[in-house]
C-alpha atoms as a PDB file:
ATOM      1  CA  MET A   1      -4.559  10.187 -21.424  1.00  0.00           C
ATOM      2  CA  THR A   2      -4.256   7.233 -19.039  1.00  0.00           C
ATOM      3  CA  LYS A   3      -1.413   7.476 -16.510  1.00  0.00           C
ATOM      4  CA  PRO A   4       1.266   4.826 -17.043  1.00  0.00           C
ATOM      5  CA  THR A   5       1.252   2.153 -14.414  1.00  0.00           C
ATOM      6  CA  THR A   6       3.811  -0.250 -12.994  1.00  0.00           C
ATOM      7  CA  ALA A   7       3.105  -3.891 -12.138  1.00  0.00           C
ATOM      8  CA  LEU A   8       3.617  -4.883  -8.375  1.00  0.00           C
ATOM      9  CA  THR A   9       4.946  -8.145  -7.530  1.00  0.00           C
ATOM     10  CA  ALA A  10       3.626 -10.285  -4.857  1.00  0.00           C
ATOM     11  CA  GLU A  11       6.704  -9.527  -2.353  1.00  0.00           C
ATOM     12  CA  GLN A  12       5.866  -5.760  -2.957  1.00  0.00           C
ATOM     13  CA  ILE A  13       2.042  -6.309  -1.963  1.00  0.00           C
ATOM     14  CA  ALA A  14       3.134  -8.019   1.214  1.00  0.00           C
ATOM     15  CA  GLN A  15       5.704  -5.443   2.075  1.00  0.00           C
ATOM     16  CA  PHE A  16       3.007  -2.932   1.673  1.00  0.00           C
ATOM     17  CA  HIS A  17       0.581  -4.583   3.871  1.00  0.00           C
ATOM     18  CA  ASP A  18       3.376  -5.419   6.492  1.00  0.00           C
ATOM     19  CA  GLU A  19       4.004  -1.507   6.531  1.00  0.00           C
ATOM     20  CA  LEU A  20       0.147  -0.615   6.571  1.00  0.00           C
ATOM     21  CA  GLU A  21      -0.129  -3.056   9.497  1.00  0.00           C
ATOM     22  CA  GLU A  22       2.622  -1.514  11.222  1.00  0.00           C
ATOM     23  CA  GLN A  23       1.107   1.843  10.854  1.00  0.00           C
ATOM     24  CA  GLN A  24      -2.068   0.655  12.222  1.00  0.00           C
ATOM     25  CA  ASP A  25      -0.423  -0.713  15.380  1.00  0.00           C
ATOM     26  CA  ASP A  26       1.318   2.510  15.800  1.00  0.00           C
ATOM     27  CA  ILE A  27      -1.882   4.178  15.758  1.00  0.00           C
ATOM     28  CA  LEU A  28      -3.711   1.899  18.184  1.00  0.00           C
ATOM     29  CA  ALA A  29      -0.920   1.983  20.603  1.00  0.00           C
ATOM     30  CA  SER A  30      -1.151   5.690  20.846  1.00  0.00           C
ATOM     31  CA  GLY A  31      -4.278   5.314  21.833  1.00  0.00           C
ATOM     32  CA  GLY A  32      -5.392   7.869  19.465  1.00  0.00           C
ATOM     33  CA  SER A  33      -3.724  10.844  21.225  1.00  0.00           C
ATOM     34  CA  SER A  34      -0.557  11.372  19.185  1.00  0.00           C
ATOM     35  CA  SER A  35      -0.666  13.340  15.997  1.00  0.00           C
ATOM     36  CA  TRP A  36       0.464  12.093  12.747  1.00  0.00           C
ATOM     37  CA  LYS A  37       3.921  13.805  13.313  1.00  0.00           C
ATOM     38  CA  ASP A  38       4.525  11.607  16.333  1.00  0.00           C
ATOM     39  CA  LEU A  39       3.866   8.139  14.763  1.00  0.00           C
ATOM     40  CA  THR A  40       7.020   6.127  13.990  1.00  0.00           C
ATOM     41  CA  HIS A  41       5.310   4.262  11.065  1.00  0.00           C
ATOM     42  CA  ARG A  42       3.816   6.314   8.374  1.00  0.00           C
ATOM     43  CA  LEU A  43       2.262   5.298   5.136  1.00  0.00           C
ATOM     44  CA  PRO A  44       4.581   3.035   2.837  1.00  0.00           C
ATOM     45  CA  GLN A  45       6.924   4.871   0.724  1.00  0.00           C
ATOM     46  CA  CYS A  46       6.337   5.015  -3.059  1.00  0.00           C
ATOM     47  CA  PHE A  47       7.664   1.845  -4.583  1.00  0.00           C
ATOM     48  CA  ARG A  48       9.390   4.240  -7.531  1.00  0.00           C
ATOM     49  CA  CYS A  49      10.605   7.247  -5.400  1.00  0.00           C
ATOM     50  CA  PRO A  50      11.543   7.623  -1.866  1.00  0.00           C
ATOM     51  CA  THR A  51       8.597   9.936  -1.116  1.00  0.00           C
ATOM     52  CA  THR A  52       6.409   9.165   1.643  1.00  0.00           C
ATOM     53  CA  PRO A  53       2.982   9.880   0.480  1.00  0.00           C
ATOM     54  CA  SER A  54       0.140  11.878   2.029  1.00  0.00           C
ATOM     55  CA  GLU A  55      -2.271   9.821   0.523  1.00  0.00           C
ATOM     56  CA  ILE A  56      -2.503   6.311  -1.284  1.00  0.00           C
ATOM     57  CA  VAL A  57      -5.736   5.946  -3.290  1.00  0.00           C
ATOM     58  CA  ILE A  58      -6.621   2.210  -3.695  1.00  0.00           C
ATOM     59  CA  SER A  59      -8.911   1.705  -6.544  1.00  0.00           C
ATOM     60  CA  ALA A  60     -10.412  -1.825  -6.123  1.00  0.00           C
ATOM     61  CA  PRO A  61     -12.549  -3.094  -9.059  1.00  0.00           C
ATOM     62  CA  GLU A  62     -16.019  -4.169  -8.598  1.00  0.00           C
ATOM     63  CA  VAL A  63     -15.728  -6.671 -11.348  1.00  0.00           C
ATOM     64  CA  GLU A  64     -14.038  -9.950 -10.461  1.00  0.00           C
ATOM     65  CA  ASP A  65     -10.773 -10.699 -11.961  1.00  0.00           C
ATOM     66  CA  ALA A  66      -9.852  -7.125 -12.639  1.00  0.00           C
ATOM     67  CA  THR A  67      -6.706  -5.138 -11.710  1.00  0.00           C
ATOM     68  CA  THR A  68      -6.544  -3.191  -8.570  1.00  0.00           C
ATOM     69  CA  THR A  69      -4.714   0.360  -8.899  1.00  0.00           C
ATOM     70  CA  LEU A  70      -2.706   2.045  -6.216  1.00  0.00           C
ATOM     71  CA  THR A  71      -1.678   5.984  -6.733  1.00  0.00           C
ATOM     72  CA  PHE A  72       0.585   7.542  -4.375  1.00  0.00           C
ATOM     73  CA  ASN A  73       0.154  11.363  -3.735  1.00  0.00           C
ATOM     74  CA  PRO A  74       1.751  13.857  -4.117  1.00  0.00           C
ATOM     75  CA  CYS A  75       4.163  12.108  -6.456  1.00  0.00           C
ATOM     76  CA  GLY A  76       1.704  10.727  -8.697  1.00  0.00           C
ATOM     77  CA  HIS A  77       3.061   7.363  -9.450  1.00  0.00           C
ATOM     78  CA  VAL A  78       0.682   4.715 -10.251  1.00  0.00           C
ATOM     79  CA  PHE A  79       0.762   0.823  -9.895  1.00  0.00           C
ATOM     80  CA  HIS A  80      -1.305  -2.192 -10.600  1.00  0.00           C
ATOM     81  CA  ALA A  81      -1.551  -5.730  -9.385  1.00  0.00           C
ATOM     82  CA  THR A  82      -3.452  -8.251 -10.985  1.00  0.00           C
ATOM     83  CA  PRO A  83      -5.780 -10.675  -9.016  1.00  0.00           C
ATOM     84  CA  ASP A  84      -3.238 -13.494  -8.954  1.00  0.00           C
ATOM     85  CA  VAL A  85      -0.415 -11.328  -7.797  1.00  0.00           C
ATOM     86  CA  LEU A  86      -2.519  -9.544  -5.365  1.00  0.00           C
ATOM     87  CA  ALA A  87      -3.639 -13.002  -3.837  1.00  0.00           C
ATOM     88  CA  ALA A  88      -0.094 -14.360  -3.669  1.00  0.00           C
ATOM     89  CA  GLY A  89       1.076 -11.111  -1.966  1.00  0.00           C
ATOM     90  CA  LEU A  90      -1.600 -11.539   0.616  1.00  0.00           C
ATOM     91  CA  ARG A  91      -1.027 -15.144   1.242  1.00  0.00           C
ATOM     92  CA  LEU A  92       2.820 -14.137   1.933  1.00  0.00           C
ATOM     93  CA  HIS A  93       1.832 -11.171   4.309  1.00  0.00           C
ATOM     94  CA  ASN A  94      -0.603 -13.513   6.044  1.00  0.00           C
ATOM     95  CA  SER A  95       2.205 -16.179   6.403  1.00  0.00           C
ATOM     96  CA  ARG A  96       4.763 -14.142   8.031  1.00  0.00           C
ATOM     97  CA  PRO A  97       4.968 -14.407  11.796  1.00  0.00           C
END
């Protein structure tokens, strides 16, 4: 049985990328010397529940014009983004100062 998925908006995609970038900057600023517990920016929270995931699995299709799926673990919530929404979210993310 396939897990039900929830469609993401362009704004959610943009926010997701903003938070990933903040976490990456945090890791780089620490020089790799900090443990994960010391980071101020962690993985983005699940869009459905307030859980901070230990892992986000992104299934990017190899076929053009296919849907990308994000699975948040351990809560197991699954989200998807169509190529047009994904592109709009990335444009929005890249246009922010």
